[in-house]
Amino acid sequence: MSPERIVNYNKRLYGPGPVARLPASGIRGYYARMPPLQGFSMAATHGVILGLGVGLYYKFFMADPDTKKIEQYYRENPPR
């Protein structure tokens, strides 16, 4: 036999709307304070920008350390 109505015991998780999103304070809750689609879009955009920035820094300022080693090897040992 089931109860007549479901009682919501966890108000932080389920109430008052479909999901009670309680964002953290400061920068940790930046995306959680936005509407869901906008928060997801901003997080994805920031991730892509950060990934491209780090990738470009690695490629052009560190100049691919593995590639440097390979080029140095072939300079010292030219193919015959």
N, C-alpha and C. Protein backbone atom coordinates (compact mmCIF):
# COMPACT_ATOMS: atom_id res chain seq x y z
N MET A 1 0.84 -1.16 0.00
CA MET A 1 0.00 0.00 0.00
C MET A 1 0.90 1.25 0.00
N SER A 2 0.62 2.18 -0.89
CA SER A 2 1.44 3.39 -1.00
C SER A 2 0.78 4.55 -0.24
N PRO A 3 1.60 5.51 0.19
CA PRO A 3 1.01 6.65 0.90
C PRO A 3 0.16 7.49 -0.06
N GLU A 4 -0.74 8.27 0.52
CA GLU A 4 -1.64 9.07 -0.31
C GLU A 4 -0.90 10.18 -1.06
N ARG A 5 0.08 10.75 -0.44
CA ARG A 5 0.87 11.77 -1.13
C ARG A 5 2.34 11.63 -0.74
N ILE A 6 3.21 12.01 -1.65
CA ILE A 6 4.64 11.92 -1.40
C ILE A 6 5.07 13.13 -0.59
N VAL A 7 5.80 12.89 0.47
CA VAL A 7 6.27 13.97 1.32
C VAL A 7 7.70 14.32 0.91
N ASN A 8 7.93 15.61 0.70
CA ASN A 8 9.25 16.08 0.31
C ASN A 8 10.06 16.35 1.57
N TYR A 9 10.98 15.43 1.88
CA TYR A 9 11.80 15.59 3.08
C TYR A 9 13.06 16.41 2.81
N ASN A 10 13.48 16.49 1.57
CA ASN A 10 14.73 17.18 1.27
C ASN A 10 14.43 18.45 0.48
N LYS A 11 14.14 19.54 1.17
CA LYS A 11 13.76 20.80 0.52
C LYS A 11 14.91 21.40 -0.29
N ARG A 12 16.16 21.18 0.15
CA ARG A 12 17.30 21.75 -0.59
C ARG A 12 17.45 21.10 -1.96
N LEU A 13 17.06 19.85 -2.09
CA LEU A 13 17.23 19.16 -3.37
C LEU A 13 16.01 19.31 -4.27
N TYR A 14 14.82 19.20 -3.71
CA TYR A 14 13.62 19.11 -4.54
C TYR A 14 12.73 20.35 -4.53
N GLY A 15 12.85 21.25 -3.60
CA GLY A 15 11.87 22.31 -3.54
C GLY A 15 12.49 23.67 -3.72
N PRO A 16 11.81 24.71 -3.93
CA PRO A 16 10.39 24.87 -4.14
C PRO A 16 9.99 24.63 -5.59
N GLY A 17 10.92 24.70 -6.53
CA GLY A 17 10.61 24.43 -7.94
C GLY A 17 11.01 23.00 -8.28
N PRO A 18 11.20 22.72 -9.55
CA PRO A 18 11.63 21.37 -9.94
C PRO A 18 12.95 20.97 -9.28
N VAL A 19 13.90 21.88 -9.23
CA VAL A 19 15.17 21.62 -8.57
C VAL A 19 15.61 22.93 -7.91
N ALA A 20 15.95 22.86 -6.66
CA ALA A 20 16.43 24.06 -5.97
C ALA A 20 17.94 24.13 -6.15
N ARG A 21 18.37 24.89 -7.13
CA ARG A 21 19.81 25.03 -7.36
C ARG A 21 20.34 26.10 -6.42
N LEU A 22 21.16 25.69 -5.48
CA LEU A 22 21.72 26.63 -4.52
C LEU A 22 23.18 26.86 -4.87
N PRO A 23 23.49 27.96 -5.55
CA PRO A 23 24.86 28.18 -5.97
C PRO A 23 25.79 28.49 -4.81
N ALA A 24 27.03 28.12 -4.98
CA ALA A 24 28.05 28.47 -3.99
C ALA A 24 28.36 29.95 -4.10
N SER A 25 28.97 30.48 -3.09
CA SER A 25 29.29 31.91 -3.11
C SER A 25 30.55 32.15 -3.94
N GLY A 26 30.67 33.36 -4.45
CA GLY A 26 31.87 33.76 -5.19
C GLY A 26 31.97 33.12 -6.55
N ILE A 27 33.20 32.91 -6.98
CA ILE A 27 33.46 32.40 -8.34
C ILE A 27 33.01 30.95 -8.51
N ARG A 28 32.94 30.19 -7.42
CA ARG A 28 32.56 28.78 -7.51
C ARG A 28 31.11 28.61 -7.97
N GLY A 29 30.25 29.59 -7.73
CA GLY A 29 28.86 29.50 -8.12
C GLY A 29 28.51 30.33 -9.33
N TYR A 30 29.51 30.71 -10.10
CA TYR A 30 29.29 31.62 -11.24
C TYR A 30 28.30 31.06 -12.24
N TYR A 31 28.48 29.83 -12.68
CA TYR A 31 27.60 29.24 -13.69
C TYR A 31 26.28 28.79 -13.07
N ALA A 32 26.26 28.43 -11.80
CA ALA A 32 25.04 27.94 -11.15
C ALA A 32 24.02 29.06 -10.95
N ARG A 33 24.46 30.31 -10.90
CA ARG A 33 23.52 31.42 -10.73
C ARG A 33 22.83 31.79 -12.04
N MET A 34 23.29 31.25 -13.15
CA MET A 34 22.69 31.57 -14.46
C MET A 34 21.56 30.58 -14.76
N PRO A 35 20.69 30.93 -15.71
CA PRO A 35 19.73 29.93 -16.19
C PRO A 35 20.50 28.73 -16.77
N PRO A 36 19.92 27.53 -16.72
CA PRO A 36 20.68 26.32 -17.08
C PRO A 36 21.35 26.36 -18.46
N LEU A 37 20.62 26.74 -19.51
CA LEU A 37 21.21 26.73 -20.85
C LEU A 37 22.30 27.78 -20.98
N GLN A 38 22.09 28.95 -20.41
CA GLN A 38 23.11 29.99 -20.48
C GLN A 38 24.34 29.59 -19.68
N GLY A 39 24.16 28.98 -18.51
CA GLY A 39 25.30 28.53 -17.70
C GLY A 39 26.11 27.48 -18.43
N PHE A 40 25.42 26.51 -19.05
CA PHE A 40 26.12 25.47 -19.81
C PHE A 40 26.87 26.08 -20.99
N SER A 41 26.21 26.99 -21.71
CA SER A 41 26.85 27.62 -22.87
C SER A 41 28.09 28.42 -22.46
N MET A 42 27.98 29.16 -21.37
CA MET A 42 29.12 29.95 -20.91
C MET A 42 30.26 29.04 -20.45
N ALA A 43 29.93 27.95 -19.76
CA ALA A 43 30.98 27.03 -19.31
C ALA A 43 31.68 26.39 -20.51
N ALA A 44 30.90 25.99 -21.52
CA ALA A 44 31.50 25.39 -22.72
C ALA A 44 32.36 26.40 -23.46
N THR A 45 31.88 27.63 -23.60
CA THR A 45 32.64 28.68 -24.28
C THR A 45 33.94 28.98 -23.55
N HIS A 46 33.87 29.11 -22.24
CA HIS A 46 35.08 29.39 -21.46
C HIS A 46 36.06 28.22 -21.54
N GLY A 47 35.55 27.00 -21.56
CA GLY A 47 36.43 25.83 -21.70
C GLY A 47 37.15 25.80 -23.03
N VAL A 48 36.43 26.11 -24.11
CA VAL A 48 37.05 26.12 -25.44
C VAL A 48 38.11 27.23 -25.52
N ILE A 49 37.78 28.41 -25.03
CA ILE A 49 38.73 29.52 -25.07
C ILE A 49 39.97 29.19 -24.25
N LEU A 50 39.78 28.65 -23.06
CA LEU A 50 40.91 28.28 -22.22
C LEU A 50 41.77 27.19 -22.88
N GLY A 51 41.12 26.20 -23.48
CA GLY A 51 41.85 25.13 -24.16
C GLY A 51 42.65 25.65 -25.34
N LEU A 52 42.05 26.51 -26.15
CA LEU A 52 42.78 27.08 -27.29
C LEU A 52 43.95 27.95 -26.82
N GLY A 53 43.71 28.73 -25.77
CA GLY A 53 44.78 29.60 -25.25
C GLY A 53 45.97 28.79 -24.75
N VAL A 54 45.70 27.76 -23.98
CA VAL A 54 46.78 26.93 -23.45
C VAL A 54 47.48 26.18 -24.59
N GLY A 55 46.69 25.69 -25.55
CA GLY A 55 47.29 24.99 -26.69
C GLY A 55 48.20 25.88 -27.52
N LEU A 56 47.75 27.10 -27.77
CA LEU A 56 48.57 28.04 -28.54
C LEU A 56 49.82 28.43 -27.76
N TYR A 57 49.70 28.62 -26.45
CA TYR A 57 50.87 28.93 -25.63
C TYR A 57 51.89 27.79 -25.70
N TYR A 58 51.40 26.56 -25.57
CA TYR A 58 52.29 25.40 -25.63
C TYR A 58 52.98 25.31 -26.99
N LYS A 59 52.21 25.51 -28.06
CA LYS A 59 52.75 25.35 -29.41
C LYS A 59 53.76 26.43 -29.76
N PHE A 60 53.46 27.68 -29.46
CA PHE A 60 54.30 28.77 -29.95
C PHE A 60 55.32 29.29 -28.95
N PHE A 61 55.08 29.15 -27.66
CA PHE A 61 56.05 29.65 -26.68
C PHE A 61 56.95 28.54 -26.14
N MET A 62 56.41 27.33 -26.01
CA MET A 62 57.26 26.21 -25.58
C MET A 62 57.80 25.47 -26.79
N ALA A 63 57.20 25.68 -27.95
CA ALA A 63 57.65 25.15 -29.24
C ALA A 63 57.77 23.64 -29.25
N ASP A 64 56.78 22.95 -28.75
CA ASP A 64 56.73 21.49 -28.78
C ASP A 64 58.06 20.85 -28.39
N PRO A 65 58.32 20.64 -27.12
CA PRO A 65 59.60 20.07 -26.67
C PRO A 65 59.93 18.74 -27.35
N ASP A 66 58.94 17.90 -27.61
CA ASP A 66 59.21 16.62 -28.28
C ASP A 66 59.69 16.84 -29.71
N THR A 67 59.08 17.77 -30.40
CA THR A 67 59.50 18.07 -31.77
C THR A 67 60.92 18.63 -31.79
N LYS A 68 61.25 19.45 -30.81
CA LYS A 68 62.62 19.98 -30.72
C LYS A 68 63.64 18.85 -30.59
N LYS A 69 63.34 17.86 -29.75
CA LYS A 69 64.26 16.73 -29.56
C LYS A 69 64.44 15.94 -30.85
N ILE A 70 63.35 15.73 -31.58
CA ILE A 70 63.42 14.97 -32.84
C ILE A 70 64.25 15.75 -33.86
N GLU A 71 64.00 17.05 -33.98
CA GLU A 71 64.77 17.87 -34.93
C GLU A 71 66.24 17.91 -34.55
N GLN A 72 66.54 18.00 -33.26
CA GLN A 72 67.93 18.00 -32.80
C GLN A 72 68.60 16.67 -33.14
N TYR A 73 67.91 15.56 -32.98
CA TYR A 73 68.47 14.25 -33.30
C TYR A 73 68.84 14.18 -34.78
N TYR A 74 67.93 14.64 -35.66
CA TYR A 74 68.22 14.55 -37.09
C TYR A 74 69.28 15.55 -37.54
N ARG A 75 69.46 16.66 -36.81
CA ARG A 75 70.56 17.57 -37.11
C ARG A 75 71.90 16.90 -36.79
N GLU A 76 71.93 16.20 -35.65
CA GLU A 76 73.16 15.52 -35.24
C GLU A 76 73.41 14.25 -36.04
N ASN A 77 72.36 13.58 -36.47
CA ASN A 77 72.47 12.31 -37.23
C ASN A 77 71.67 12.44 -38.53
N PRO A 78 72.22 13.12 -39.53
CA PRO A 78 71.47 13.30 -40.77
C PRO A 78 71.21 11.95 -41.46
N PRO A 79 70.03 11.84 -42.09
CA PRO A 79 69.72 10.59 -42.82
C PRO A 79 70.69 10.41 -43.99
N ARG A 80 71.00 9.18 -44.32
CA ARG A 80 71.96 8.90 -45.39
C ARG A 80 71.28 8.69 -46.69
